[in-house]
Amino acid sequence: MPVVSSLSTTPVKGTALHSPAGVTLTRDGVADNRRFHLVDGRGRLFNGKHHGPLVRIRAEYDDGRLTLRLPDREPVTGTATELGEAVVTDFYGRPVPGHLVEGPFSAALGEFVGEPVSLVAPDVAGAAVDVHPVTLVSAATVAHLRSVTPGGEALDARRFRMLVEVDGVGVHEEDSWVGRRVRLGGATVRVVGPVPRCVVTNENPDTGVVDFNTLRSIVRYRGELESQLGTPVAHLPDGGKVVFGLYATVEEPGDIAAGDDVEPLEG
């Protein structure tokens, strides 16, 4: 029986990933996953594509209190429930309403990235995902990409920033789940299609520095045209050419934990 091998979340989009033992999946995703995101001085989404070293920040969120652990700085901590101006962030054509978060966070983040940014709390917890609330990939698929790619030892699974990793299935077996319902522990999702990949996968998951051409590796591996490299595929939610991993929507909310059974159901 396939099982959930690991889970990856982060309270602030673009920052270092956590590996929780379990999560609660709602219709909108995991409430404290991407609980906050950043916008630049013009109100546009700001993430690892714009500043890879965001992954050097470890964000911790618990019961309304946010702590940012930035390199070579004292932790920035405080209540993240005091909200200011209402804003709407464009997530690749999907408007996400939210409010600016008051407190010391935006100033500290702006100093770290070198330009003004603001911390935003979406009005719906869990809504700050690129397209769909669940992403998944199998450990076998990641391992196979690593094994057939020159220098593939650099292909840490964290580069793909997937919510769910599944073990106990064959290479790309999860691709056959598109259009099907899949039980993940106590939740059920419907797999809707592949995840288009962006330049974040080229960045080292510890430093945020570009150190490997992961996009080129995926294109070669999956037989796509070289001409697709450099295309901003993130705005093509279900039709990108550089694809790896799968999107899913939530049909039955529930709890998911590492070690839980994974069961593909009827179409």
Protein backbone atom coordinates (compact mmCIF):
# COMPACT_ATOMS: atom_id res chain seq x y z
CA MET A 1 0.00 0.00 0.00
CA PRO A 2 1.39 3.45 -0.89
CA VAL A 3 1.93 5.78 2.05
CA VAL A 4 2.51 9.46 2.75
CA SER A 5 6.29 9.64 3.16
CA SER A 6 6.61 13.34 4.04
CA LEU A 7 4.76 16.65 4.25
CA SER A 8 6.17 20.13 3.58
CA THR A 9 4.67 23.44 4.68
CA THR A 10 5.73 26.98 5.52
CA PRO A 11 3.80 29.79 7.25
CA VAL A 12 5.20 32.47 4.92
CA LYS A 13 5.26 31.74 1.20
CA GLY A 14 8.83 31.49 -0.12
CA THR A 15 10.52 30.89 3.24
CA ALA A 16 12.15 27.70 4.54
CA LEU A 17 10.03 24.57 4.52
CA HIS A 18 8.92 22.70 7.63
CA SER A 19 8.35 18.93 7.74
CA PRO A 20 5.36 18.47 10.06
CA ALA A 21 4.34 15.02 11.25
CA GLY A 22 0.76 15.78 10.24
CA VAL A 23 -1.56 18.46 8.87
CA THR A 24 -5.29 19.12 8.66
CA LEU A 25 -6.50 19.55 5.11
CA THR A 26 -9.47 21.89 4.59
CA ARG A 27 -11.28 22.78 1.35
CA ASP A 28 -8.79 25.65 0.96
CA GLY A 29 -5.71 23.64 1.85
CA VAL A 30 -3.70 23.61 5.08
CA ALA A 31 -4.69 26.70 7.04
CA ASP A 32 -1.19 27.52 8.32
CA ASN A 33 0.58 26.63 5.07
CA ARG A 34 1.37 29.86 3.20
CA ARG A 35 -0.67 31.58 5.90
CA PHE A 36 1.11 34.77 4.81
CA HIS A 37 2.68 36.02 1.61
CA LEU A 38 4.66 39.05 0.50
CA VAL A 39 3.92 41.84 -1.96
CA ASP A 40 6.37 44.39 -3.33
CA GLY A 41 6.07 48.16 -3.28
CA ARG A 42 3.58 48.04 -6.16
CA GLY A 43 1.38 45.43 -4.52
CA ARG A 44 2.56 42.53 -6.71
CA LEU A 45 3.22 39.04 -5.39
CA PHE A 46 6.83 38.73 -4.19
CA ASN A 47 8.32 35.27 -3.66
CA GLY A 48 11.33 33.06 -4.27
CA LYS A 49 11.33 33.84 -7.98
CA HIS A 50 12.16 37.41 -7.08
CA HIS A 51 14.49 36.73 -4.15
CA GLY A 52 15.67 33.16 -3.69
CA PRO A 53 17.33 33.74 -0.29
CA LEU A 54 13.89 34.00 1.30
CA VAL A 55 14.47 30.29 1.99
CA ARG A 56 17.10 31.34 4.55
CA ILE A 57 14.29 32.70 6.71
CA ARG A 58 12.57 30.25 9.02
CA ALA A 59 9.05 31.37 9.83
CA GLU A 60 7.13 29.93 12.78
CA TYR A 61 3.45 30.57 13.41
CA ASP A 62 1.43 29.39 16.37
CA ASP A 63 -1.84 30.63 17.82
CA GLY A 64 -1.65 34.02 16.13
CA ARG A 65 2.00 34.67 16.94
CA LEU A 66 4.57 34.86 14.13
CA THR A 67 8.34 34.56 14.52
CA LEU A 68 10.80 35.22 11.70
CA ARG A 69 14.29 33.81 12.18
CA LEU A 70 16.48 35.75 9.76
CA PRO A 71 20.19 35.00 9.19
CA ASP A 72 22.59 36.91 11.48
CA ARG A 73 19.75 38.87 13.09
CA GLU A 74 17.73 38.65 16.25
CA PRO A 75 14.39 36.88 15.73
CA VAL A 76 11.49 39.16 14.84
CA THR A 77 8.39 38.11 16.71
CA GLY A 78 4.96 39.43 17.57
CA THR A 79 1.24 39.07 17.11
CA ALA A 80 0.28 38.68 13.46
CA THR A 81 -3.46 39.13 13.93
CA GLU A 82 -3.51 42.94 13.87
CA LEU A 83 -4.43 43.79 10.30
CA GLY A 84 -4.32 47.01 8.32
CA GLU A 85 -5.15 48.03 4.76
CA ALA A 86 -7.18 45.68 2.58
CA VAL A 87 -5.34 44.47 -0.54
CA VAL A 88 -5.94 42.04 -3.39
CA THR A 89 -2.96 40.03 -4.66
CA ASP A 90 -2.85 38.60 -8.17
CA PHE A 91 -1.85 34.93 -7.91
CA TYR A 92 -1.27 34.23 -11.61
CA GLY A 93 -4.69 35.50 -12.63
CA ARG A 94 -6.49 34.47 -9.43
CA PRO A 95 -7.35 37.40 -7.12
CA VAL A 96 -6.65 36.68 -3.44
CA PRO A 97 -8.16 39.26 -1.03
CA GLY A 98 -6.24 39.94 2.16
CA HIS A 99 -4.97 42.58 4.57
CA LEU A 100 -1.54 43.97 5.35
CA VAL A 101 -0.16 42.67 8.65
CA GLU A 102 0.76 45.29 11.21
CA GLY A 103 3.88 45.02 13.35
CA PRO A 104 7.64 44.69 12.77
CA PHE A 105 7.56 42.02 10.09
CA SER A 106 7.42 44.03 6.85
CA ALA A 107 10.30 46.31 7.86
CA ALA A 108 12.53 43.37 8.80
CA LEU A 109 11.70 41.50 5.60
CA GLY A 110 12.28 44.59 3.47
CA GLU A 111 15.70 45.10 5.04
CA PHE A 112 16.56 41.48 4.34
CA VAL A 113 15.54 41.49 0.66
CA GLY A 114 16.81 45.02 -0.04
CA GLU A 115 13.55 46.62 -1.17
CA PRO A 116 10.18 47.51 0.34
CA VAL A 117 7.91 44.51 0.83
CA SER A 118 4.79 44.00 2.90
CA LEU A 119 3.49 40.96 4.72
CA VAL A 120 -0.08 40.03 3.79
CA ALA A 121 -2.58 37.71 5.48
CA PRO A 122 -5.15 36.31 3.02
CA ASP A 123 -8.72 36.63 4.20
CA VAL A 124 -9.14 32.87 3.70
CA ALA A 125 -6.50 30.85 5.55
CA GLY A 126 -4.66 28.57 3.14
CA ALA A 127 -5.56 30.61 0.04
CA ALA A 128 -2.01 31.78 -0.70
CA VAL A 129 -1.17 28.84 -2.97
CA ASP A 130 -0.25 29.32 -6.61
CA VAL A 131 -3.20 27.51 -8.19
CA HIS A 132 -4.68 24.52 -6.31
CA PRO A 133 -4.43 23.76 -2.58
CA VAL A 134 -2.63 20.40 -2.80
CA THR A 135 0.55 19.38 -4.63
CA LEU A 136 1.97 15.89 -4.60
CA VAL A 137 4.74 13.80 -6.12
CA SER A 138 6.14 10.34 -5.49
CA ALA A 139 9.51 9.68 -3.92
CA ALA A 140 10.21 7.25 -6.77
CA THR A 141 9.71 9.95 -9.41
CA VAL A 142 12.07 12.37 -7.65
CA ALA A 143 14.65 9.62 -7.15
CA HIS A 144 14.45 8.60 -10.81
CA LEU A 145 14.92 12.17 -12.04
CA ARG A 146 17.93 12.41 -9.76
CA SER A 147 19.40 9.12 -11.02
CA VAL A 148 19.17 9.92 -14.74
CA THR A 149 20.39 13.52 -14.49
CA PRO A 150 24.12 14.33 -14.63
CA GLY A 151 24.95 15.88 -11.28
CA GLY A 152 21.53 14.81 -10.11
CA GLU A 153 22.61 14.53 -6.48
CA ALA A 154 21.82 18.26 -6.33
CA LEU A 155 18.13 17.54 -6.97
CA ASP A 156 16.89 17.70 -3.39
CA ALA A 157 13.13 17.08 -3.31
CA ARG A 158 12.71 20.37 -1.43
CA ARG A 159 13.36 22.23 -4.69
CA PHE A 160 9.84 21.25 -5.77
CA ARG A 161 8.16 22.49 -2.54
CA MET A 162 5.37 19.89 -2.70
CA LEU A 163 2.84 19.55 0.09
CA VAL A 164 2.70 15.73 -0.06
CA GLU A 165 5.32 13.16 -1.02
CA VAL A 166 4.13 9.58 -1.57
CA ASP A 167 6.17 6.39 -1.26
CA GLY A 168 5.39 2.86 -2.38
CA VAL A 169 4.43 3.60 -6.00
CA GLY A 170 6.37 3.27 -9.25
CA VAL A 171 8.11 6.01 -11.18
CA HIS A 172 5.44 8.46 -12.43
CA GLU A 173 2.69 6.12 -11.30
CA GLU A 174 1.04 9.16 -9.72
CA ASP A 175 0.63 10.67 -13.20
CA SER A 176 -2.03 7.99 -13.86
CA TRP A 177 -4.12 9.51 -11.05
CA VAL A 178 -5.10 12.61 -13.05
CA GLY A 179 -8.89 12.88 -12.97
CA ARG A 180 -9.16 10.38 -10.12
CA ARG A 181 -9.95 10.70 -6.43
CA VAL A 182 -7.14 9.73 -4.08
CA ARG A 183 -7.44 9.12 -0.36
CA LEU A 184 -4.59 10.61 1.67
CA GLY A 185 -5.00 9.46 5.25
CA GLY A 186 -8.29 10.94 6.46
CA ALA A 187 -8.73 13.29 3.48
CA THR A 188 -9.72 12.74 -0.13
CA VAL A 189 -8.42 14.82 -3.03
CA ARG A 190 -9.02 14.87 -6.76
CA VAL A 191 -5.89 15.04 -8.91
CA VAL A 192 -6.43 17.62 -11.63
CA GLY A 193 -3.19 17.90 -13.59
CA PRO A 194 0.55 18.56 -13.67
CA VAL A 195 2.37 21.37 -11.88
CA PRO A 196 4.24 23.77 -14.18
CA ARG A 197 7.66 24.47 -12.72
CA CYS A 198 9.44 27.83 -12.45
CA VAL A 199 12.95 29.13 -11.73
CA VAL A 200 12.58 28.44 -8.00
CA THR A 201 13.48 24.81 -8.76
CA ASN A 202 16.89 26.06 -9.97
CA GLU A 203 17.62 27.51 -6.53
CA ASN A 204 19.41 25.72 -3.71
CA PRO A 205 16.72 24.98 -1.08
CA ASP A 206 19.05 26.03 1.75
CA THR A 207 20.56 29.21 0.30
CA GLY A 208 18.22 30.31 -2.50
CA VAL A 209 21.19 30.70 -4.84
CA VAL A 210 20.77 29.32 -8.37
CA ASP A 211 23.12 26.34 -8.48
CA PHE A 212 21.49 23.82 -10.86
CA ASN A 213 19.43 24.03 -14.04
CA THR A 214 16.56 21.91 -12.78
CA LEU A 215 14.20 23.19 -15.48
CA ARG A 216 16.56 22.06 -18.22
CA SER A 217 16.91 18.69 -16.52
CA ILE A 218 13.13 18.23 -16.43
CA VAL A 219 12.77 19.24 -20.08
CA ARG A 220 15.42 16.78 -21.18
CA TYR A 221 14.04 14.08 -18.92
CA ARG A 222 10.46 14.40 -20.12
CA GLY A 223 11.34 14.94 -23.77
CA GLU A 224 10.02 18.50 -24.10
CA LEU A 225 11.49 21.03 -26.53
CA GLU A 226 14.51 23.10 -25.49
CA SER A 227 12.68 26.13 -26.80
CA GLN A 228 10.35 26.00 -23.82
CA LEU A 229 13.16 26.85 -21.41
CA GLY A 230 12.84 30.34 -19.96
CA THR A 231 9.09 30.50 -20.64
CA PRO A 232 7.27 31.92 -17.60
CA VAL A 233 5.22 28.77 -17.16
CA ALA A 234 3.84 29.64 -13.72
CA HIS A 235 0.89 31.47 -15.31
CA LEU A 236 -0.10 28.33 -17.24
CA PRO A 237 -1.68 26.35 -14.39
CA ASP A 238 -2.59 23.22 -16.32
CA GLY A 239 -0.78 23.59 -19.64
CA GLY A 240 2.86 24.37 -18.89
CA LYS A 241 5.54 22.49 -20.78
CA VAL A 242 8.04 22.18 -17.92
CA VAL A 243 5.94 20.06 -15.58
CA PHE A 244 6.79 17.93 -12.57
CA GLY A 245 4.43 16.76 -9.83
CA LEU A 246 0.66 17.10 -9.65
CA TYR A 247 -2.03 19.52 -8.46
CA ALA A 248 -5.11 18.34 -6.58
CA THR A 249 -8.25 19.86 -5.13
CA VAL A 250 -9.83 18.83 -1.83
CA GLU A 251 -13.04 16.80 -1.97
CA GLU A 252 -13.18 15.55 1.62
CA PRO A 253 -11.26 17.49 4.28
CA GLY A 254 -9.42 15.54 6.95
CA ASP A 255 -6.14 14.85 8.70
CA ILE A 256 -3.02 13.61 6.91
CA ALA A 257 0.09 12.30 8.67
CA ALA A 258 3.37 10.81 7.54
CA GLY A 259 2.88 7.05 7.29
CA ASP A 260 -0.82 7.30 6.39
CA ASP A 261 -2.12 5.06 3.62
CA VAL A 262 -2.60 6.50 0.13
CA GLU A 263 -5.33 4.89 -1.96
CA PRO A 264 -6.31 5.85 -5.53
CA LEU A 265 -10.07 5.51 -5.86
CA GLU A 266 -12.45 5.37 -8.81
CA GLY A 267 -12.28 7.98 -11.53
